[in-house]
Amino acid sequence: MSEKTFASANDLAEKTTSFTQIGEGLYAFTAEGDPNSGVIIGDDSVMVIEAQATPRLAEKVIAEIRKVTDKPISHLVLTHYHAVRVLGASAYGAREIIMSDTARAMVAERGQEDWDSEFDRFPRLFEGHESIPGLTWPTTTFSDRMTVYLGQRRVDIMHLGRAHTAGDAVIWVPDEEVMFTGDIVEFHSACYCGDGHLTEWGETLDQIAAYEPRAIAPGRGDALIGEEMVSAAIESTRDFVESTYRPAARVAAKGGSLKDAWEAVRAECDPKFADYAIYEHCLPFNVARAYDEARGIETPRIWTAARDKEMWAALQG
């Protein structure tokens, strides 16, 4: 490869946002492969899923909410700890911020390093970063599942298994059979696997599919409406993760290098996924994690701005 900086460092074009109804009182805020947010309107208040990376970006979500309801935002659910998902939380003024207990532990363990690392490698996603007051901490955590009632509307928040991170949450709205999956499911966007558990991801997708959602708001990409689109996105996500892990595992089994794994993963993934959003950005991190996991490193190593650059340099040889 000729490029010497992360693909994301040169990704400066503004993305067009959409606000799509995916059920009665349910919406997906999407942005051409940038991080999505979700909205659940209850009887008296609103729950938002995923905060965006900065308060300024969160205001774009709030502006769309205000076009459809004037009810206050009472709950913010964060599906995992990544900076681009959580650091805009202060804009919503929600009385409850909900994460899994594992996700909260990951904020404590690696939240600052993740913020520094993500900001360094993907500056466009941190528009208005100077307004971030600090790390986002939940007011409420759960281990396996919890239920919130927005008046009569029931919302189930669950940890179905490890995938994109160890602490991923999904949000299920039973009255409309709609699910918000965070980055466990993507649509025409690369999965970021740098903090993932690739060999368990497929089982977690099976758990999601078992609910037979009529619509899904994925972590990135367009809202998925209808059984056919939902199923196609789950299967393409599964194919992406497996196509990343398999070649890296073969290389690791033979004692090959990270660079060997990079070339093997590219050979399998480029023909299928090269046109996916953030593909080039995710690929080096995905290969590094797949290679680690295949060599028995169960807990993803913490990414730091320095480790990012070291890994990138190793792949440029």
Protein backbone atom coordinates (compact mmCIF):
# COMPACT_ATOMS: atom_id res chain seq x y z
CA MET A 1 0.00 0.00 0.00
CA SER A 2 1.24 3.46 -0.79
CA GLU A 3 -0.75 5.45 1.74
CA LYS A 4 1.13 6.25 4.94
CA THR A 5 -1.76 7.58 7.00
CA PHE A 6 -4.97 5.87 8.06
CA ALA A 7 -7.64 5.92 5.39
CA SER A 8 -9.92 7.71 7.86
CA ALA A 9 -7.48 10.63 8.28
CA ASN A 10 -8.26 11.60 4.69
CA ASP A 11 -12.02 10.97 5.00
CA LEU A 12 -13.18 14.56 5.26
CA ALA A 13 -16.39 14.68 3.19
CA GLU A 14 -19.61 15.62 5.01
CA LYS A 15 -22.19 12.80 5.05
CA THR A 16 -25.89 13.20 4.29
CA THR A 17 -28.08 12.19 7.23
CA SER A 18 -31.47 10.46 7.12
CA PHE A 19 -34.16 10.03 9.76
CA THR A 20 -36.19 6.94 8.90
CA GLN A 21 -39.30 5.62 10.64
CA ILE A 22 -38.84 1.90 11.31
CA GLY A 23 -41.94 1.31 13.44
CA GLU A 24 -44.62 3.27 15.29
CA GLY A 25 -42.69 5.94 17.23
CA LEU A 26 -39.36 4.32 16.27
CA TYR A 27 -36.68 5.98 14.16
CA ALA A 28 -33.16 5.39 12.85
CA PHE A 29 -30.82 8.35 12.39
CA THR A 30 -28.33 7.25 9.72
CA ALA A 31 -25.46 8.98 7.95
CA GLU A 32 -24.00 7.11 4.95
CA GLY A 33 -21.82 4.78 7.01
CA ASP A 34 -21.12 7.17 9.88
CA PRO A 35 -22.36 6.08 13.33
CA ASN A 36 -26.15 5.72 13.61
CA SER A 37 -28.44 6.63 16.48
CA GLY A 38 -31.90 5.29 17.34
CA VAL A 39 -35.01 6.89 18.81
CA ILE A 40 -37.87 5.31 20.77
CA ILE A 41 -40.83 7.56 21.57
CA GLY A 42 -42.78 6.46 24.61
CA ASP A 43 -45.99 7.79 26.18
CA ASP A 44 -44.35 10.67 28.03
CA SER A 45 -40.68 10.68 27.06
CA VAL A 46 -38.04 9.59 24.56
CA MET A 47 -35.20 7.08 24.70
CA VAL A 48 -32.17 7.67 22.46
CA ILE A 49 -29.76 4.88 21.50
CA GLU A 50 -26.14 5.93 20.84
CA ALA A 51 -25.05 9.47 21.67
CA GLN A 52 -22.77 10.34 18.70
CA ALA A 53 -19.15 11.40 19.19
CA THR A 54 -19.64 15.00 20.35
CA PRO A 55 -22.43 17.19 21.75
CA ARG A 56 -22.44 19.15 18.48
CA LEU A 57 -23.13 16.00 16.47
CA ALA A 58 -25.75 14.96 19.03
CA GLU A 59 -27.60 18.20 18.30
CA LYS A 60 -28.21 16.91 14.76
CA VAL A 61 -30.04 13.90 16.22
CA ILE A 62 -31.98 16.10 18.64
CA ALA A 63 -33.04 18.40 15.78
CA GLU A 64 -34.59 15.41 13.98
CA ILE A 65 -36.33 14.23 17.17
CA ARG A 66 -37.87 17.68 17.60
CA LYS A 67 -39.46 17.41 14.15
CA VAL A 68 -41.57 14.46 15.36
CA THR A 69 -42.07 15.01 19.11
CA ASP A 70 -41.62 17.60 21.85
CA LYS A 71 -41.47 14.96 24.62
CA PRO A 72 -38.37 15.19 26.85
CA ILE A 73 -35.43 12.81 26.37
CA SER A 74 -35.39 10.75 29.56
CA HIS A 75 -33.12 7.80 28.70
CA LEU A 76 -29.92 7.33 26.72
CA VAL A 77 -28.75 3.77 26.01
CA LEU A 78 -25.15 3.23 24.91
CA THR A 79 -24.61 -0.16 23.29
CA HIS A 80 -20.86 -0.15 24.02
CA TYR A 81 -18.02 2.08 25.16
CA HIS A 82 -16.48 3.41 21.91
CA ALA A 83 -15.82 7.15 21.84
CA VAL A 84 -17.77 7.79 18.62
CA ARG A 85 -20.86 6.33 20.31
CA VAL A 86 -20.76 7.88 23.75
CA LEU A 87 -18.97 11.23 24.05
CA GLY A 88 -21.93 13.33 22.85
CA ALA A 89 -24.06 12.16 25.78
CA SER A 90 -24.14 15.48 27.66
CA ALA A 91 -26.25 17.13 24.92
CA TYR A 92 -29.35 15.05 25.64
CA GLY A 93 -29.85 15.93 29.29
CA ALA A 94 -31.15 12.40 29.93
CA ARG A 95 -31.75 11.51 33.57
CA GLU A 96 -30.67 7.91 32.92
CA ILE A 97 -27.67 6.74 30.90
CA ILE A 98 -27.67 2.97 30.51
CA MET A 99 -24.81 0.58 29.62
CA SER A 100 -24.06 -3.04 30.35
CA ASP A 101 -21.86 -3.48 33.39
CA THR A 102 -19.15 -4.88 31.11
CA ALA A 103 -19.29 -1.76 28.92
CA ARG A 104 -18.93 0.44 32.02
CA ALA A 105 -15.90 -1.57 33.11
CA MET A 106 -14.41 -1.01 29.66
CA VAL A 107 -14.87 2.77 30.00
CA ALA A 108 -12.85 2.52 33.21
CA GLU A 109 -10.22 0.22 31.71
CA ARG A 110 -9.73 1.76 28.26
CA GLY A 111 -12.13 4.64 27.66
CA GLN A 112 -9.53 7.41 27.63
CA GLU A 113 -7.13 5.45 25.43
CA ASP A 114 -9.98 4.70 23.00
CA TRP A 115 -10.96 8.37 22.85
CA ASP A 116 -7.38 9.46 22.14
CA SER A 117 -6.92 6.71 19.57
CA GLU A 118 -10.20 7.30 17.71
CA PHE A 119 -9.77 11.07 17.69
CA ASP A 120 -6.30 10.70 16.21
CA ARG A 121 -7.31 8.32 13.43
CA PHE A 122 -10.78 9.62 12.48
CA PRO A 123 -10.88 13.38 13.09
CA ARG A 124 -14.00 14.12 11.01
CA LEU A 125 -16.21 12.17 13.41
CA PHE A 126 -15.29 14.51 16.28
CA GLU A 127 -16.76 17.78 14.96
CA GLY A 128 -17.01 20.16 17.93
CA HIS A 129 -14.77 17.95 20.10
CA GLU A 130 -13.93 20.91 22.35
CA SER A 131 -17.47 20.69 23.79
CA ILE A 132 -16.99 17.14 25.15
CA PRO A 133 -16.98 17.46 28.97
CA GLY A 134 -15.10 14.20 29.58
CA LEU A 135 -15.68 10.46 29.57
CA THR A 136 -19.31 9.34 29.59
CA TRP A 137 -20.33 7.21 32.58
CA PRO A 138 -23.66 5.40 32.94
CA THR A 139 -26.09 6.10 35.76
CA THR A 140 -27.50 2.57 35.43
CA THR A 141 -25.96 -0.76 34.40
CA PHE A 142 -27.25 -4.30 33.88
CA SER A 143 -25.59 -7.70 33.48
CA ASP A 144 -27.85 -9.80 31.20
CA ARG A 145 -31.01 -7.78 30.64
CA MET A 146 -33.21 -5.04 32.02
CA THR A 147 -36.59 -3.61 31.08
CA VAL A 148 -37.53 0.07 30.93
CA TYR A 149 -41.13 1.23 30.62
CA LEU A 150 -41.66 4.50 28.78
CA GLY A 151 -45.21 4.77 30.10
CA GLN A 152 -46.89 1.64 28.71
CA ARG A 153 -44.19 1.06 26.09
CA ARG A 154 -41.85 -1.75 27.08
CA VAL A 155 -38.19 -1.65 26.05
CA ASP A 156 -35.91 -4.63 26.72
CA ILE A 157 -32.17 -3.93 26.89
CA MET A 158 -30.10 -7.09 26.65
CA HIS A 159 -26.60 -8.49 26.41
CA LEU A 160 -26.98 -11.44 24.01
CA GLY A 161 -23.30 -12.28 23.66
CA ARG A 162 -19.89 -10.91 22.76
CA ALA A 163 -19.37 -9.58 19.24
CA HIS A 164 -18.23 -6.04 18.37
CA THR A 165 -17.05 -5.70 22.00
CA ALA A 166 -17.34 -7.81 25.15
CA GLY A 167 -20.18 -5.67 26.50
CA ASP A 168 -22.53 -5.12 23.54
CA ALA A 169 -26.17 -4.30 24.28
CA VAL A 170 -29.14 -4.65 21.96
CA ILE A 171 -32.50 -2.93 22.43
CA TRP A 172 -35.76 -4.73 21.62
CA VAL A 173 -39.15 -3.05 21.33
CA PRO A 174 -41.64 -5.94 21.52
CA ASP A 175 -44.81 -4.05 20.53
CA GLU A 176 -43.31 -3.34 17.09
CA GLU A 177 -40.80 -6.24 16.94
CA VAL A 178 -37.98 -3.81 16.17
CA MET A 179 -34.37 -4.12 17.33
CA PHE A 180 -31.52 -1.63 17.69
CA THR A 181 -28.34 -3.70 17.40
CA GLY A 182 -25.48 -1.23 17.68
CA ASP A 183 -22.42 -2.39 15.77
CA ILE A 184 -23.22 -6.09 16.01
CA VAL A 185 -25.08 -5.69 12.70
CA GLU A 186 -23.96 -3.37 9.89
CA PHE A 187 -25.38 -2.69 6.45
CA HIS A 188 -23.05 -2.05 3.51
CA SER A 189 -20.47 -0.85 6.03
CA ALA A 190 -17.40 -2.65 7.29
CA CYS A 191 -17.58 -4.11 10.78
CA TYR A 192 -14.96 -2.67 13.10
CA CYS A 193 -13.49 -5.78 14.73
CA GLY A 194 -10.52 -4.20 16.50
CA ASP A 195 -12.06 -4.79 19.94
CA GLY A 196 -14.18 -7.72 18.85
CA HIS A 197 -14.68 -11.39 19.62
CA LEU A 198 -14.81 -12.75 16.09
CA THR A 199 -15.37 -16.41 16.89
CA GLU A 200 -18.39 -15.57 19.07
CA TRP A 201 -19.91 -12.91 16.80
CA GLY A 202 -21.87 -15.43 14.71
CA GLU A 203 -23.57 -16.92 17.77
CA THR A 204 -24.65 -13.44 18.83
CA LEU A 205 -26.06 -12.82 15.34
CA ASP A 206 -28.02 -16.07 15.74
CA GLN A 207 -29.48 -14.74 18.99
CA ILE A 208 -30.59 -11.56 17.20
CA ALA A 209 -32.07 -13.51 14.28
CA ALA A 210 -34.05 -15.67 16.72
CA TYR A 211 -36.15 -12.62 17.64
CA GLU A 212 -37.25 -12.40 13.96
CA PRO A 213 -37.13 -8.59 13.97
CA ARG A 214 -39.42 -6.84 11.48
CA ALA A 215 -36.88 -3.99 11.32
CA ILE A 216 -33.38 -3.28 12.62
CA ALA A 217 -31.51 -0.05 13.17
CA PRO A 218 -27.92 -1.20 12.56
CA GLY A 219 -24.78 0.45 13.88
CA ARG A 220 -23.89 1.85 10.47
CA GLY A 221 -25.69 1.93 7.15
CA ASP A 222 -29.32 2.29 6.15
CA ALA A 223 -32.24 1.25 8.33
CA LEU A 224 -33.24 -2.36 7.67
CA ILE A 225 -36.98 -2.65 7.08
CA GLY A 226 -38.63 -5.96 6.37
CA GLU A 227 -37.63 -9.57 6.94
CA GLU A 228 -35.65 -9.84 3.70
CA MET A 229 -33.46 -6.80 4.35
CA VAL A 230 -32.94 -7.78 8.01
CA SER A 231 -31.87 -11.30 7.06
CA ALA A 232 -29.56 -10.09 4.28
CA ALA A 233 -27.79 -7.67 6.62
CA ILE A 234 -27.33 -10.29 9.35
CA GLU A 235 -25.85 -12.73 6.82
CA SER A 236 -23.57 -10.17 5.15
CA THR A 237 -22.32 -9.15 8.62
CA ARG A 238 -21.65 -12.83 9.40
CA ASP A 239 -19.81 -13.24 6.09
CA PHE A 240 -17.69 -10.14 6.76
CA VAL A 241 -16.59 -11.34 10.20
CA GLU A 242 -15.91 -14.91 9.08
CA SER A 243 -14.04 -13.73 5.98
CA THR A 244 -11.83 -11.63 8.23
CA TYR A 245 -11.14 -14.31 10.83
CA ARG A 246 -10.64 -17.42 8.66
CA PRO A 247 -7.63 -16.26 6.61
CA ALA A 248 -5.98 -14.64 9.65
CA ALA A 249 -6.43 -17.88 11.61
CA ARG A 250 -4.86 -19.93 8.81
CA VAL A 251 -1.82 -17.64 8.79
CA ALA A 252 -1.52 -17.72 12.58
CA ALA A 253 -1.71 -21.53 12.61
CA LYS A 254 1.27 -21.67 10.26
CA GLY A 255 3.29 -19.21 12.33
CA GLY A 256 2.95 -16.44 9.75
CA SER A 257 3.35 -12.73 10.47
CA LEU A 258 0.80 -9.93 10.89
CA LYS A 259 1.76 -8.76 7.40
CA ASP A 260 1.02 -12.26 6.04
CA ALA A 261 -2.38 -12.15 7.75
CA TRP A 262 -3.06 -8.71 6.25
CA GLU A 263 -2.41 -10.00 2.74
CA ALA A 264 -4.51 -13.14 3.29
CA VAL A 265 -7.48 -11.18 4.66
CA ARG A 266 -7.27 -8.67 1.82
CA ALA A 267 -7.31 -11.49 -0.71
CA GLU A 268 -10.57 -12.83 0.74
CA CYS A 269 -12.32 -9.58 1.71
CA ASP A 270 -11.37 -7.08 -1.02
CA PRO A 271 -13.44 -8.74 -3.77
CA LYS A 272 -16.56 -8.78 -1.58
CA PHE A 273 -16.31 -5.73 0.66
CA ALA A 274 -13.93 -3.14 -0.81
CA ASP A 275 -16.84 -0.78 -1.60
CA TYR A 276 -18.23 -0.89 1.95
CA ALA A 277 -18.13 2.30 4.04
CA ILE A 278 -15.01 2.61 6.27
CA TYR A 279 -13.57 -0.62 4.83
CA GLU A 280 -10.01 0.66 4.49
CA HIS A 281 -10.21 2.35 7.89
CA CYS A 282 -11.29 -0.84 9.68
CA LEU A 283 -9.13 -3.36 7.86
CA PRO A 284 -5.78 -2.99 9.69
CA PHE A 285 -7.49 -3.09 13.10
CA ASN A 286 -9.64 -6.05 12.04
CA VAL A 287 -6.62 -8.02 10.85
CA ALA A 288 -4.63 -7.24 14.00
CA ARG A 289 -7.47 -8.41 16.26
CA ALA A 290 -8.26 -11.53 14.19
CA TYR A 291 -4.57 -12.47 14.22
CA ASP A 292 -4.41 -11.95 18.00
CA GLU A 293 -7.60 -13.92 18.66
CA ALA A 294 -6.39 -16.80 16.50
CA ARG A 295 -3.19 -16.89 18.58
CA GLY A 296 -5.17 -17.23 21.80
CA ILE A 297 -5.26 -13.61 22.97
CA GLU A 298 -8.82 -13.64 24.29
CA THR A 299 -9.08 -10.09 25.64
CA PRO A 300 -8.56 -7.49 22.91
CA ARG A 301 -5.43 -5.47 23.55
CA ILE A 302 -6.05 -1.80 24.27
CA TRP A 303 -5.62 0.45 21.27
CA THR A 304 -3.64 3.60 21.94
CA ALA A 305 -2.59 6.32 19.52
CA ALA A 306 0.97 4.92 19.74
CA ARG A 307 -0.09 1.29 19.17
CA ASP A 308 -2.20 2.35 16.18
CA LYS A 309 0.85 3.85 14.52
CA GLU A 310 3.11 0.89 15.36
CA MET A 311 0.61 -1.55 13.85
CA TRP A 312 0.20 0.62 10.75
CA ALA A 313 3.97 0.83 10.26
CA ALA A 314 4.23 -2.99 10.49
CA LEU A 315 1.75 -3.29 7.61
CA GLN A 316 3.56 -0.81 5.35
CA GLY A 317 6.69 -2.92 4.88
